[in-house]
PDB file of N, CA and C in Angstrom:
ATOM      1  N   MET A   1     196.611 168.223 113.309  1.00  0.00           N
ATOM      2  CA  MET A   1     197.206 168.064 114.605  1.00  0.00           C
ATOM      3  C   MET A   1     198.351 167.083 114.500  1.00  0.00           C
ATOM      4  N   GLU A   2     199.419 167.361 115.231  1.00  0.00           N
ATOM      5  CA  GLU A   2     200.590 166.486 115.251  1.00  0.00           C
ATOM      6  C   GLU A   2     201.132 166.426 116.669  1.00  0.00           C
ATOM      7  N   LEU A   3     201.348 165.223 117.182  1.00  0.00           N
ATOM      8  CA  LEU A   3     201.993 165.063 118.477  1.00  0.00           C
ATOM      9  C   LEU A   3     203.481 165.305 118.274  1.00  0.00           C
ATOM     10  N   ILE A   4     204.048 166.261 118.985  1.00  0.00           N
ATOM     11  CA  ILE A   4     205.422 166.684 118.739  1.00  0.00           C
ATOM     12  C   ILE A   4     206.423 165.931 119.606  1.00  0.00           C
ATOM     13  N   HIS A   5     206.225 165.945 120.920  1.00  0.00           N
ATOM     14  CA  HIS A   5     207.144 165.225 121.791  1.00  0.00           C
ATOM     15  C   HIS A   5     206.528 165.015 123.172  1.00  0.00           C
ATOM     16  N   THR A   6     207.206 164.180 123.943  1.00  0.00           N
ATOM     17  CA  THR A   6     206.860 163.934 125.339  1.00  0.00           C
ATOM     18  C   THR A   6     207.947 164.566 126.195  1.00  0.00           C
ATOM     19  N   CYS A   7     207.571 165.151 127.319  1.00  0.00           N
ATOM     20  CA  CYS A   7     208.541 165.766 128.222  1.00  0.00           C
ATOM     21  C   CYS A   7     208.304 165.290 129.644  1.00  0.00           C
ATOM     22  N   TYR A   8     209.395 165.008 130.335  1.00  0.00           N
ATOM     23  CA  TYR A   8     209.314 164.828 131.775  1.00  0.00           C
ATOM     24  C   TYR A   8     210.604 165.253 132.435  1.00  0.00           C
ATOM     25  N   ARG A   9     210.539 165.406 133.754  1.00  0.00           N
ATOM     26  CA  ARG A   9     211.643 165.973 134.521  1.00  0.00           C
ATOM     27  C   ARG A   9     212.561 164.869 135.048  1.00  0.00           C
ATOM     28  N   ILE A  10     213.845 165.187 135.095  1.00  0.00           N
ATOM     29  CA  ILE A  10     214.858 164.220 135.517  1.00  0.00           C
ATOM     30  C   ILE A  10     215.692 164.795 136.653  1.00  0.00           C
ATOM     31  N   GLY A  11     216.347 163.923 137.399  1.00  0.00           N
ATOM     32  CA  GLY A  11     217.160 164.355 138.533  1.00  0.00           C
ATOM     33  C   GLY A  11     218.653 164.311 138.293  1.00  0.00           C
ATOM     34  N   ASP A  12     219.118 163.545 137.303  1.00  0.00           N
ATOM     35  CA  ASP A  12     220.548 163.428 137.028  1.00  0.00           C
ATOM     36  C   ASP A  12     220.747 163.344 135.515  1.00  0.00           C
ATOM     37  N   PRO A  13     221.066 164.468 134.874  1.00  0.00           N
ATOM     38  CA  PRO A  13     221.178 164.477 133.412  1.00  0.00           C
ATOM     39  C   PRO A  13     222.160 163.442 132.868  1.00  0.00           C
ATOM     40  N   GLU A  14     223.298 163.281 133.510  1.00  0.00           N
ATOM     41  CA  GLU A  14     224.312 162.353 133.012  1.00  0.00           C
ATOM     42  C   GLU A  14     223.766 160.923 132.934  1.00  0.00           C
ATOM     43  N   LYS A  15     223.105 160.481 133.995  1.00  0.00           N
ATOM     44  CA  LYS A  15     222.530 159.132 134.005  1.00  0.00           C
ATOM     45  C   LYS A  15     221.405 158.991 132.977  1.00  0.00           C
ATOM     46  N   SER A  16     220.557 159.996 132.897  1.00  0.00           N
ATOM     47  CA  SER A  16     219.425 159.923 131.963  1.00  0.00           C
ATOM     48  C   SER A  16     219.898 159.948 130.511  1.00  0.00           C
ATOM     49  N   ILE A  17     220.860 160.797 130.202  1.00  0.00           N
ATOM     50  CA  ILE A  17     221.378 160.856 128.836  1.00  0.00           C
ATOM     51  C   ILE A  17     221.976 159.507 128.447  1.00  0.00           C
ATOM     52  N   ALA A  18     222.780 158.918 129.328  1.00  0.00           N
ATOM     53  CA  ALA A  18     223.389 157.616 129.044  1.00  0.00           C
ATOM     54  C   ALA A  18     222.326 156.538 128.846  1.00  0.00           C
ATOM     55  N   PHE A  19     221.273 156.559 129.661  1.00  0.00           N
ATOM     56  CA  PHE A  19     220.197 155.570 129.552  1.00  0.00           C
ATOM     57  C   PHE A  19     219.503 155.666 128.195  1.00  0.00           C
ATOM     58  N   TYR A  20     219.070 156.851 127.814  1.00  0.00           N
ATOM     59  CA  TYR A  20     218.317 156.991 126.559  1.00  0.00           C
ATOM     60  C   TYR A  20     219.197 156.785 125.327  1.00  0.00           C
ATOM     61  N   GLU A  21     220.467 157.120 125.422  1.00  0.00           N
ATOM     62  CA  GLU A  21     221.378 156.796 124.326  1.00  0.00           C
ATOM     63  C   GLU A  21     221.573 155.288 124.224  1.00  0.00           C
ATOM     64  N   ALA A  22     221.605 154.585 125.364  1.00  0.00           N
ATOM     65  CA  ALA A  22     221.714 153.124 125.340  1.00  0.00           C
ATOM     66  C   ALA A  22     220.498 152.482 124.679  1.00  0.00           C
ATOM     67  N   LEU A  23     219.342 153.135 124.761  1.00  0.00           N
ATOM     68  CA  LEU A  23     218.147 152.632 124.080  1.00  0.00           C
ATOM     69  C   LEU A  23     218.186 152.907 122.579  1.00  0.00           C
ATOM     70  N   GLY A  24     219.112 153.751 122.146  1.00  0.00           N
ATOM     71  CA  GLY A  24     219.240 154.036 120.725  1.00  0.00           C
ATOM     72  C   GLY A  24     218.756 155.403 120.299  1.00  0.00           C
ATOM     73  N   LEU A  25     218.277 156.218 121.242  1.00  0.00           N
ATOM     74  CA  LEU A  25     217.867 157.572 120.890  1.00  0.00           C
ATOM     75  C   LEU A  25     219.109 158.450 120.730  1.00  0.00           C
ATOM     76  N   GLU A  26     219.011 159.435 119.854  1.00  0.00           N
ATOM     77  CA  GLU A  26     220.106 160.375 119.631  1.00  0.00           C
ATOM     78  C   GLU A  26     219.838 161.664 120.399  1.00  0.00           C
ATOM     79  N   LYS A  27     220.844 162.127 121.139  1.00  0.00           N
ATOM     80  CA  LYS A  27     220.722 163.434 121.777  1.00  0.00           C
ATOM     81  C   LYS A  27     220.886 164.477 120.682  1.00  0.00           C
ATOM     82  N   ARG A  28     219.873 165.306 120.509  1.00  0.00           N
ATOM     83  CA  ARG A  28     219.876 166.285 119.434  1.00  0.00           C
ATOM     84  C   ARG A  28     220.428 167.638 119.872  1.00  0.00           C
ATOM     85  N   ARG A  29     220.012 168.086 121.057  1.00  0.00           N
ATOM     86  CA  ARG A  29     220.478 169.391 121.505  1.00  0.00           C
ATOM     87  C   ARG A  29     220.137 169.607 122.971  1.00  0.00           C
ATOM     88  N   GLU A  30     220.785 170.613 123.543  1.00  0.00           N
ATOM     89  CA  GLU A  30     220.488 171.097 124.891  1.00  0.00           C
ATOM     90  C   GLU A  30     219.998 172.532 124.758  1.00  0.00           C
ATOM     91  N   GLN A  31     219.032 172.881 125.580  1.00  0.00           N
ATOM     92  CA  GLN A  31     218.512 174.249 125.549  1.00  0.00           C
ATOM     93  C   GLN A  31     218.410 174.774 126.973  1.00  0.00           C
ATOM     94  N   PRO A  32     219.301 175.690 127.367  1.00  0.00           N
ATOM     95  CA  PRO A  32     219.201 176.286 128.701  1.00  0.00           C
ATOM     96  C   PRO A  32     217.926 177.113 128.831  1.00  0.00           C
ATOM     97  N   ILE A  33     217.372 177.111 130.016  1.00  0.00           N
ATOM     98  CA  ILE A  33     216.204 177.936 130.325  1.00  0.00           C
ATOM     99  C   ILE A  33     216.640 178.894 131.429  1.00  0.00           C
ATOM    100  N   ARG A  34     217.064 180.085 130.991  1.00  0.00           N
ATOM    101  CA  ARG A  34     217.602 181.091 131.914  1.00  0.00           C
ATOM    102  C   ARG A  34     218.594 180.421 132.863  1.00  0.00           C
ATOM    103  N   ASP A  35     218.526 180.738 134.151  1.00  0.00           N
ATOM    104  CA  ASP A  35     219.395 180.094 135.135  1.00  0.00           C
ATOM    105  C   ASP A  35     218.610 179.083 135.967  1.00  0.00           C
ATOM    106  N   GLU A  36     217.506 178.560 135.381  1.00  0.00           N
ATOM    107  CA  GLU A  36     216.605 177.663 136.105  1.00  0.00           C
ATOM    108  C   GLU A  36     216.761 176.198 135.748  1.00  0.00           C
ATOM    109  N   ALA A  37     217.009 175.921 134.455  1.00  0.00           N
ATOM    110  CA  ALA A  37     216.912 174.539 134.001  1.00  0.00           C
ATOM    111  C   ALA A  37     217.620 174.360 132.659  1.00  0.00           C
ATOM    112  N   VAL A  38     217.689 173.104 132.237  1.00  0.00           N
ATOM    113  CA  VAL A  38     218.188 172.757 130.907  1.00  0.00           C
ATOM    114  C   VAL A  38     217.253 171.698 130.332  1.00  0.00           C
ATOM    115  N   ASN A  39     216.871 171.872 129.064  1.00  0.00           N
ATOM    116  CA  ASN A  39     216.106 170.849 128.345  1.00  0.00           C
ATOM    117  C   ASN A  39     217.063 170.066 127.460  1.00  0.00           C
ATOM    118  N   TYR A  40     216.899 168.744 127.459  1.00  0.00           N
ATOM    119  CA  TYR A  40     217.671 167.856 126.596  1.00  0.00           C
ATOM    120  C   TYR A  40     216.689 167.207 125.634  1.00  0.00           C
ATOM    121  N   PHE A  41     216.960 167.311 124.342  1.00  0.00           N
ATOM    122  CA  PHE A  41     216.066 166.769 123.328  1.00  0.00           C
ATOM    123  C   PHE A  41     216.697 165.547 122.665  1.00  0.00           C
ATOM    124  N   PHE A  42     215.887 164.478 122.541  1.00  0.00           N
ATOM    125  CA  PHE A  42     216.326 163.223 121.938  1.00  0.00           C
ATOM    126  C   PHE A  42     215.386 162.847 120.805  1.00  0.00           C
ATOM    127  N   GLY A  43     215.944 162.175 119.807  1.00  0.00           N
ATOM    128  CA  GLY A  43     215.124 161.744 118.687  1.00  0.00           C
ATOM    129  C   GLY A  43     215.498 160.363 118.208  1.00  0.00           C
ATOM    130  N   VAL A  44     214.602 159.781 117.443  1.00  0.00           N
ATOM    131  CA  VAL A  44     214.819 158.489 116.816  1.00  0.00           C
ATOM    132  C   VAL A  44     215.743 158.709 115.619  1.00  0.00           C
ATOM    133  N   PRO A  45     216.806 157.916 115.498  1.00  0.00           N
ATOM    134  CA  PRO A  45     217.705 158.085 114.354  1.00  0.00           C
ATOM    135  C   PRO A  45     216.935 158.043 113.030  1.00  0.00           C
ATOM    136  N   GLY A  46     217.286 158.951 112.143  1.00  0.00           N
ATOM    137  CA  GLY A  46     216.648 159.006 110.838  1.00  0.00           C
ATOM    138  C   GLY A  46     215.387 159.840 110.783  1.00  0.00           C
ATOM    139  N   ARG A  47     214.898 160.276 111.911  1.00  0.00           N
ATOM    140  CA  ARG A  47     213.719 161.145 111.940  1.00  0.00           C
ATOM    141  C   ARG A  47     214.170 162.556 112.264  1.00  0.00           C
ATOM    142  N   PRO A  48     213.537 163.548 111.655  1.00  0.00           N
ATOM    143  CA  PRO A  48     214.054 164.911 111.783  1.00  0.00           C
ATOM    144  C   PRO A  48     213.794 165.598 113.122  1.00  0.00           C
ATOM    145  N   ASN A  49     212.706 165.275 113.788  1.00  0.00           N
ATOM    146  CA  ASN A  49     212.335 166.011 115.000  1.00  0.00           C
ATOM    147  C   ASN A  49     212.576 165.188 116.256  1.00  0.00           C
ATOM    148  N   PRO A  50     212.894 165.859 117.355  1.00  0.00           N
ATOM    149  CA  PRO A  50     213.031 165.125 118.614  1.00  0.00           C
ATOM    150  C   PRO A  50     211.662 164.696 119.141  1.00  0.00           C
ATOM    151  N   GLU A  51     211.616 163.494 119.686  1.00  0.00           N
ATOM    152  CA  GLU A  51     210.360 162.969 120.240  1.00  0.00           C
ATOM    153  C   GLU A  51     210.335 162.988 121.766  1.00  0.00           C
ATOM    154  N   LEU A  52     211.503 163.188 122.390  1.00  0.00           N
ATOM    155  CA  LEU A  52     211.576 163.165 123.850  1.00  0.00           C
ATOM    156  C   LEU A  52     212.327 164.396 124.340  1.00  0.00           C
ATOM    157  N   GLU A  53     211.740 165.063 125.327  1.00  0.00           N
ATOM    158  CA  GLU A  53     212.376 166.209 125.975  1.00  0.00           C
ATOM    159  C   GLU A  53     212.515 165.879 127.451  1.00  0.00           C
ATOM    160  N   LEU A  54     213.735 165.969 127.961  1.00  0.00           N
ATOM    161  CA  LEU A  54     213.991 165.764 129.376  1.00  0.00           C
ATOM    162  C   LEU A  54     214.370 167.107 129.977  1.00  0.00           C
ATOM    163  N   THR A  55     213.735 167.467 131.084  1.00  0.00           N
ATOM    164  CA  THR A  55     214.005 168.747 131.726  1.00  0.00           C
ATOM    165  C   THR A  55     214.699 168.522 133.060  1.00  0.00           C
ATOM    166  N   TYR A  56     215.854 169.142 133.210  1.00  0.00           N
ATOM    167  CA  TYR A  56     216.574 169.114 134.482  1.00  0.00           C
ATOM    168  C   TYR A  56     216.467 170.496 135.098  1.00  0.00           C
ATOM    169  N   ASN A  57     215.788 170.581 136.242  1.00  0.00           N
ATOM    170  CA  ASN A  57     215.676 171.824 136.998  1.00  0.00           C
ATOM    171  C   ASN A  57     216.813 171.844 138.011  1.00  0.00           C
ATOM    172  N   PHE A  58     217.654 172.874 137.948  1.00  0.00           N
ATOM    173  CA  PHE A  58     218.812 172.957 138.824  1.00  0.00           C
ATOM    174  C   PHE A  58     218.412 172.813 140.292  1.00  0.00           C
ATOM    175  N   GLY A  59     219.143 171.973 140.997  1.00  0.00           N
ATOM    176  CA  GLY A  59     218.920 171.796 142.423  1.00  0.00           C
ATOM    177  C   GLY A  59     217.844 170.784 142.787  1.00  0.00           C
ATOM    178  N   VAL A  60     217.189 170.171 141.803  1.00  0.00           N
ATOM    179  CA  VAL A  60     216.151 169.176 142.083  1.00  0.00           C
ATOM    180  C   VAL A  60     216.667 167.817 141.634  1.00  0.00           C
ATOM    181  N   SER A  61     216.775 166.879 142.587  1.00  0.00           N
ATOM    182  CA  SER A  61     217.365 165.580 142.255  1.00  0.00           C
ATOM    183  C   SER A  61     216.347 164.456 142.100  1.00  0.00           C
ATOM    184  N   GLU A  62     215.095 164.695 142.484  1.00  0.00           N
ATOM    185  CA  GLU A  62     214.081 163.657 142.279  1.00  0.00           C
ATOM    186  C   GLU A  62     212.682 164.255 142.278  1.00  0.00           C
ATOM    187  N   TYR A  63     211.757 163.499 141.670  1.00  0.00           N
ATOM    188  CA  TYR A  63     210.361 163.916 141.543  1.00  0.00           C
ATOM    189  C   TYR A  63     209.453 162.762 141.910  1.00  0.00           C
ATOM    190  N   GLU A  64     208.234 163.091 142.313  1.00  0.00           N
ATOM    191  CA  GLU A  64     207.204 162.073 142.453  1.00  0.00           C
ATOM    192  C   GLU A  64     206.591 161.875 141.083  1.00  0.00           C
ATOM    193  N   ILE A  65     206.575 160.651 140.621  1.00  0.00           N
ATOM    194  CA  ILE A  65     206.062 160.387 139.279  1.00  0.00           C
ATOM    195  C   ILE A  65     204.539 160.505 139.249  1.00  0.00           C
ATOM    196  N   GLY A  66     203.885 160.115 140.305  1.00  0.00           N
ATOM    197  CA  GLY A  66     202.432 160.200 140.348  1.00  0.00           C
ATOM    198  C   GLY A  66     201.778 158.940 139.816  1.00  0.00           C
ATOM    199  N   SER A  67     200.498 158.837 140.006  1.00  0.00           N
ATOM    200  CA  SER A  67     199.784 157.619 139.605  1.00  0.00           C
ATOM    201  C   SER A  67     199.155 157.725 138.219  1.00  0.00           C
ATOM    202  N   GLY A  68     199.241 158.873 137.575  1.00  0.00           N
ATOM    203  CA  GLY A  68     198.635 159.039 136.263  1.00  0.00           C
ATOM    204  C   GLY A  68     199.531 158.642 135.106  1.00  0.00           C
ATOM    205  N   PHE A  69     200.836 158.668 135.321  1.00  0.00           N
ATOM    206  CA  PHE A  69     201.769 158.330 134.248  1.00  0.00           C
ATOM    207  C   PHE A  69     201.804 156.827 134.065  1.00  0.00           C
ATOM    208  N   GLY A  70     201.738 156.375 132.819  1.00  0.00           N
ATOM    209  CA  GLY A  70     201.829 154.943 132.527  1.00  0.00           C
ATOM    210  C   GLY A  70     203.229 154.571 132.104  1.00  0.00           C
ATOM    211  N   HIS A  71     203.553 154.823 130.838  1.00  0.00           N
ATOM    212  CA  HIS A  71     204.879 154.504 130.327  1.00  0.00           C
ATOM    213  C   HIS A  71     205.041 155.111 128.936  1.00  0.00           C
ATOM    214  N   ILE A  72     206.282 155.120 128.466  1.00  0.00           N
ATOM    215  CA  ILE A  72     206.516 155.379 127.054  1.00  0.00           C
ATOM    216  C   ILE A  72     207.016 154.062 126.469  1.00  0.00           C
ATOM    217  N   ALA A  73     206.845 153.894 125.177  1.00  0.00           N
ATOM    218  CA  ALA A  73     207.231 152.647 124.520  1.00  0.00           C
ATOM    219  C   ALA A  73     208.203 152.939 123.388  1.00  0.00           C
ATOM    220  N   VAL A  74     209.213 152.074 123.261  1.00  0.00           N
ATOM    221  CA  VAL A  74     210.185 152.212 122.185  1.00  0.00           C
ATOM    222  C   VAL A  74     210.447 150.842 121.562  1.00  0.00           C
ATOM    223  N   HIS A  75     210.627 150.836 120.244  1.00  0.00           N
ATOM    224  CA  HIS A  75     211.085 149.637 119.558  1.00  0.00           C
ATOM    225  C   HIS A  75     212.591 149.534 119.760  1.00  0.00           C
ATOM    226  N   VAL A  76     213.080 148.332 120.014  1.00  0.00           N
ATOM    227  CA  VAL A  76     214.519 148.084 120.061  1.00  0.00           C
ATOM    228  C   VAL A  76     214.823 146.981 119.057  1.00  0.00           C
ATOM    229  N   ASP A  77     215.987 147.071 118.431  1.00  0.00           N
ATOM    230  CA  ASP A  77     216.346 146.094 117.401  1.00  0.00           C
ATOM    231  C   ASP A  77     216.513 144.690 117.952  1.00  0.00           C
ATOM    232  N   ASP A  78     217.037 144.576 119.158  1.00  0.00           N
ATOM    233  CA  ASP A  78     217.301 143.271 119.767  1.00  0.00           C
ATOM    234  C   ASP A  78     217.042 143.396 121.261  1.00  0.00           C
ATOM    235  N   LEU A  79     215.901 142.908 121.713  1.00  0.00           N
ATOM    236  CA  LEU A  79     215.495 143.071 123.105  1.00  0.00           C
ATOM    237  C   LEU A  79     216.507 142.448 124.061  1.00  0.00           C
ATOM    238  N   GLU A  80     216.949 141.249 123.775  1.00  0.00           N
ATOM    239  CA  GLU A  80     217.900 140.567 124.660  1.00  0.00           C
ATOM    240  C   GLU A  80     219.198 141.367 124.790  1.00  0.00           C
ATOM    241  N   ALA A  81     219.732 141.841 123.674  1.00  0.00           N
ATOM    242  CA  ALA A  81     220.972 142.617 123.705  1.00  0.00           C
ATOM    243  C   ALA A  81     220.776 143.947 124.440  1.00  0.00           C
ATOM    244  N   THR A  82     219.624 144.576 124.251  1.00  0.00           N
ATOM    245  CA  THR A  82     219.343 145.841 124.935  1.00  0.00           C
ATOM    246  C   THR A  82     219.283 145.635 126.437  1.00  0.00           C
ATOM    247  N   LEU A  83     218.609 144.571 126.867  1.00  0.00           N
ATOM    248  CA  LEU A  83     218.532 144.281 128.305  1.00  0.00           C
ATOM    249  C   LEU A  83     219.906 143.983 128.885  1.00  0.00           C
ATOM    250  N   GLU A  84     220.728 143.249 128.147  1.00  0.00           N
ATOM    251  CA  GLU A  84     222.092 142.956 128.616  1.00  0.00           C
ATOM    252  C   GLU A  84     222.897 144.240 128.769  1.00  0.00           C
ATOM    253  N   GLN A  85     222.788 145.136 127.796  1.00  0.00           N
ATOM    254  CA  GLN A  85     223.521 146.401 127.852  1.00  0.00           C
ATOM    255  C   GLN A  85     223.047 147.272 129.013  1.00  0.00           C
ATOM    256  N   LEU A  86     221.735 147.354 129.219  1.00  0.00           N
ATOM    257  CA  LEU A  86     221.205 148.157 130.324  1.00  0.00           C
ATOM    258  C   LEU A  86     221.678 147.618 131.672  1.00  0.00           C
ATOM    259  N   LYS A  87     221.739 146.311 131.803  1.00  0.00           N
ATOM    260  CA  LYS A  87     222.207 145.710 133.063  1.00  0.00           C
ATOM    261  C   LYS A  87     223.703 145.962 133.248  1.00  0.00           C
ATOM    262  N   ARG A  88     224.477 145.695 132.207  1.00  0.00           N
ATOM    263  CA  ARG A  88     225.933 145.820 132.283  1.00  0.00           C
ATOM    264  C   ARG A  88     226.368 147.268 132.511  1.00  0.00           C
ATOM    265  N   GLU A  89     225.806 148.198 131.750  1.00  0.00           N
ATOM    266  CA  GLU A  89     226.272 149.578 131.792  1.00  0.00           C
ATOM    267  C   GLU A  89     225.569 150.451 132.825  1.00  0.00           C
ATOM    268  N   HIS A  90     224.334 150.081 133.214  1.00  0.00           N
ATOM    269  CA  HIS A  90     223.547 150.961 134.086  1.00  0.00           C
ATOM    270  C   HIS A  90     222.965 150.259 135.306  1.00  0.00           C
ATOM    271  N   GLY A  91     223.166 148.925 135.411  1.00  0.00           N
ATOM    272  CA  GLY A  91     222.615 148.183 136.542  1.00  0.00           C
ATOM    273  C   GLY A  91     221.107 148.094 136.526  1.00  0.00           C
ATOM    274  N   ILE A  92     220.496 148.264 135.357  1.00  0.00           N
ATOM    275  CA  ILE A  92     219.035 148.271 135.244  1.00  0.00           C
ATOM    276  C   ILE A  92     218.532 146.881 134.888  1.00  0.00           C
ATOM    277  N   GLU A  93     217.628 146.375 135.690  1.00  0.00           N
ATOM    278  CA  GLU A  93     217.013 145.061 135.490  1.00  0.00           C
ATOM    279  C   GLU A  93     215.575 145.236 135.004  1.00  0.00           C
ATOM    280  N   PRO A  94     215.057 144.302 134.218  1.00  0.00           N
ATOM    281  CA  PRO A  94     213.646 144.378 133.816  1.00  0.00           C
ATOM    282  C   PRO A  94     212.730 144.129 135.012  1.00  0.00           C
ATOM    283  N   GLU A  95     211.504 144.653 134.931  1.00  0.00           N
ATOM    284  CA  GLU A  95     210.528 144.405 135.989  1.00  0.00           C
ATOM    285  C   GLU A  95     210.214 142.922 136.096  1.00  0.00           C
ATOM    286  N   ARG A  96     210.148 142.259 134.956  1.00  0.00           N
ATOM    287  CA  ARG A  96     209.957 140.810 134.890  1.00  0.00           C
ATOM    288  C   ARG A  96     210.542 140.354 133.557  1.00  0.00           C
ATOM    289  N   PRO A  97     210.765 139.069 133.370  1.00  0.00           N
ATOM    290  CA  PRO A  97     211.348 138.604 132.102  1.00  0.00           C
ATOM    291  C   PRO A  97     210.472 138.989 130.910  1.00  0.00           C
ATOM    292  N   PRO A  98     211.076 139.123 129.713  1.00  0.00           N
ATOM    293  CA  PRO A  98     210.309 139.453 128.514  1.00  0.00           C
ATOM    294  C   PRO A  98     209.156 138.474 128.292  1.00  0.00           C
ATOM    295  N   TYR A  99     208.059 138.997 127.748  1.00  0.00           N
ATOM    296  CA  TYR A  99     206.861 138.179 127.529  1.00  0.00           C
ATOM    297  C   TYR A  99     206.071 138.729 126.347  1.00  0.00           C
ATOM    298  N   ARG A 100     205.072 137.983 125.932  1.00  0.00           N
ATOM    299  CA  ARG A 100     204.164 138.399 124.867  1.00  0.00           C
ATOM    300  C   ARG A 100     202.775 138.608 125.476  1.00  0.00           C
ATOM    301  N   VAL A 101     202.103 139.649 125.045  1.00  0.00           N
ATOM    302  CA  VAL A 101     200.744 139.913 125.509  1.00  0.00           C
ATOM    303  C   VAL A 101     199.772 138.955 124.832  1.00  0.00           C
ATOM    304  N   SER A 102     200.074 138.589 123.588  1.00  0.00           N
ATOM    305  CA  SER A 102     199.261 137.619 122.855  1.00  0.00           C
ATOM    306  C   SER A 102     200.203 136.659 122.127  1.00  0.00           C
ATOM    307  N   GLU A 103     199.655 135.561 121.634  1.00  0.00           N
ATOM    308  CA  GLU A 103     200.481 134.553 120.965  1.00  0.00           C
ATOM    309  C   GLU A 103     201.244 135.111 119.773  1.00  0.00           C
ATOM    310  N   THR A 104     200.655 136.037 119.047  1.00  0.00           N
ATOM    311  CA  THR A 104     201.292 136.570 117.847  1.00  0.00           C
ATOM    312  C   THR A 104     201.940 137.933 118.071  1.00  0.00           C
ATOM    313  N   GLY A 105     201.834 138.434 119.277  1.00  0.00           N
ATOM    314  CA  GLY A 105     202.388 139.755 119.569  1.00  0.00           C
ATOM    315  C   GLY A 105     203.893 139.740 119.730  1.00  0.00           C
ATOM    316  N   PRO A 106     204.500 140.909 119.703  1.00  0.00           N
ATOM    317  CA  PRO A 106     205.951 141.009 119.861  1.00  0.00           C
ATOM    318  C   PRO A 106     206.369 140.735 121.305  1.00  0.00           C
ATOM    319  N   LEU A 107     207.608 140.385 121.484  1.00  0.00           N
ATOM    320  CA  LEU A 107     208.194 140.218 122.797  1.00  0.00           C
ATOM    321  C   LEU A 107     208.362 141.609 123.410  1.00  0.00           C
ATOM    322  N   ILE A 108     207.919 141.791 124.649  1.00  0.00           N
ATOM    323  CA  ILE A 108     208.025 143.088 125.316  1.00  0.00           C
ATOM    324  C   ILE A 108     208.621 142.911 126.706  1.00  0.00           C
ATOM    325  N   CYS A 109     209.039 144.016 127.265  1.00  0.00           N
ATOM    326  CA  CYS A 109     209.595 144.023 128.610  1.00  0.00           C
ATOM    327  C   CYS A 109     209.547 145.453 129.129  1.00  0.00           C
ATOM    328  N   PHE A 110     209.395 145.620 130.428  1.00  0.00           N
ATOM    329  CA  PHE A 110     209.401 146.946 131.034  1.00  0.00           C
ATOM    330  C   PHE A 110     210.646 147.115 131.898  1.00  0.00           C
ATOM    331  N   VAL A 111     211.254 148.303 131.777  1.00  0.00           N
ATOM    332  CA  VAL A 111     212.355 148.703 132.642  1.00  0.00           C
ATOM    333  C   VAL A 111     212.011 150.074 133.200  1.00  0.00           C
ATOM    334  N   ARG A 112     212.793 150.506 134.165  1.00  0.00           N
ATOM    335  CA  ARG A 112     212.627 151.858 134.701  1.00  0.00           C
ATOM    336  C   ARG A 112     213.896 152.642 134.417  1.00  0.00           C
ATOM    337  N   ASP A 113     213.717 153.878 133.972  1.00  0.00           N
ATOM    338  CA  ASP A 113     214.881 154.723 133.699  1.00  0.00           C
ATOM    339  C   ASP A 113     215.475 155.187 135.030  1.00  0.00           C
ATOM    340  N   PRO A 114     216.576 155.938 135.013  1.00  0.00           N
ATOM    341  CA  PRO A 114     217.211 156.342 136.271  1.00  0.00           C
ATOM    342  C   PRO A 114     216.318 157.139 137.222  1.00  0.00           C
ATOM    343  N   ASP A 115     215.246 157.734 136.719  1.00  0.00           N
ATOM    344  CA  ASP A 115     214.323 158.486 137.578  1.00  0.00           C
ATOM    345  C   ASP A 115     213.087 157.697 137.970  1.00  0.00           C
ATOM    346  N   GLY A 116     212.989 156.448 137.521  1.00  0.00           N
ATOM    347  CA  GLY A 116     211.859 155.607 137.887  1.00  0.00           C
ATOM    348  C   GLY A 116     210.724 155.583 136.884  1.00  0.00           C
ATOM    349  N   TYR A 117     210.859 156.269 135.755  1.00  0.00           N
ATOM    350  CA  TYR A 117     209.809 156.239 134.740  1.00  0.00           C
ATOM    351  C   TYR A 117     209.814 154.877 134.044  1.00  0.00           C
ATOM    352  N   ARG A 118     208.612 154.343 133.804  1.00  0.00           N
ATOM    353  CA  ARG A 118     208.496 153.046 133.127  1.00  0.00           C
ATOM    354  C   ARG A 118     208.678 153.221 131.628  1.00  0.00           C
ATOM    355  N   ILE A 119     209.501 152.329 131.068  1.00  0.00           N
ATOM    356  CA  ILE A 119     209.777 152.322 129.644  1.00  0.00           C
ATOM    357  C   ILE A 119     209.461 150.923 129.128  1.00  0.00           C
ATOM    358  N   GLU A 120     208.561 150.838 128.158  1.00  0.00           N
ATOM    359  CA  GLU A 120     208.232 149.554 127.528  1.00  0.00           C
ATOM    360  C   GLU A 120     209.173 149.354 126.345  1.00  0.00           C
ATOM    361  N   LEU A 121     209.914 148.257 126.379  1.00  0.00           N
ATOM    362  CA  LEU A 121     210.807 147.903 125.278  1.00  0.00           C
ATOM    363  C   LEU A 121     210.081 146.852 124.435  1.00  0.00           C
ATOM    364  N   ILE A 122     209.940 147.124 123.141  1.00  0.00           N
ATOM    365  CA  ILE A 122     209.237 146.217 122.233  1.00  0.00           C
ATOM    366  C   ILE A 122     210.264 145.718 121.223  1.00  0.00           C
ATOM    367  N   ASP A 123     210.416 144.397 121.145  1.00  0.00           N
ATOM    368  CA  ASP A 123     211.389 143.804 120.245  1.00  0.00           C
ATOM    369  C   ASP A 123     210.928 143.969 118.800  1.00  0.00           C
ATOM    370  N   ALA A 124     211.661 144.763 118.039  1.00  0.00           N
ATOM    371  CA  ALA A 124     211.296 145.036 116.644  1.00  0.00           C
ATOM    372  C   ALA A 124     211.783 143.949 115.694  1.00  0.00           C
ATOM    373  N   SER A 125     212.558 142.983 116.219  1.00  0.00           N
ATOM    374  CA  SER A 125     213.109 141.949 115.346  1.00  0.00           C
ATOM    375  C   SER A 125     212.064 140.908 114.941  1.00  0.00           C
ATOM    376  N   GLY A 126     210.932 140.923 115.626  1.00  0.00           N
ATOM    377  CA  GLY A 126     209.878 139.964 115.296  1.00  0.00           C
ATOM    378  C   GLY A 126     210.038 138.616 115.980  1.00  0.00           C
ATOM    379  N   ARG A 127     210.979 138.506 116.893  1.00  0.00           N
ATOM    380  CA  ARG A 127     211.179 137.243 117.613  1.00  0.00           C
ATOM    381  C   ARG A 127     210.109 137.020 118.641  1.00  0.00           C
TER     382      ARG A 127
END
């Protein structure tokens, strides 16, 4: 068994693509679905397969996220720089300042993407 990717629906492809590229994901391809929708696939640089699929259904600008979704998590090379870029380029603020869950754990922070999905940013620098 292999987990292939995560998919969720978005309301504004341009904003979502810019957000996930700012996090460091690479847009790999677009796949139209008849005249109904477009799938956008993103992957971690250096890895062959896309890990994230975003679906834009034509004419739908927002979705209810629901209470079952938690978050997705991504490593970022420099948490402080990533947060600065998200604020400067997208107006996105963290839910609260970066923190550690344990004394030896990595610095983490949560932001919301343009559709309101929670994204956990984990500082991979070890700071």
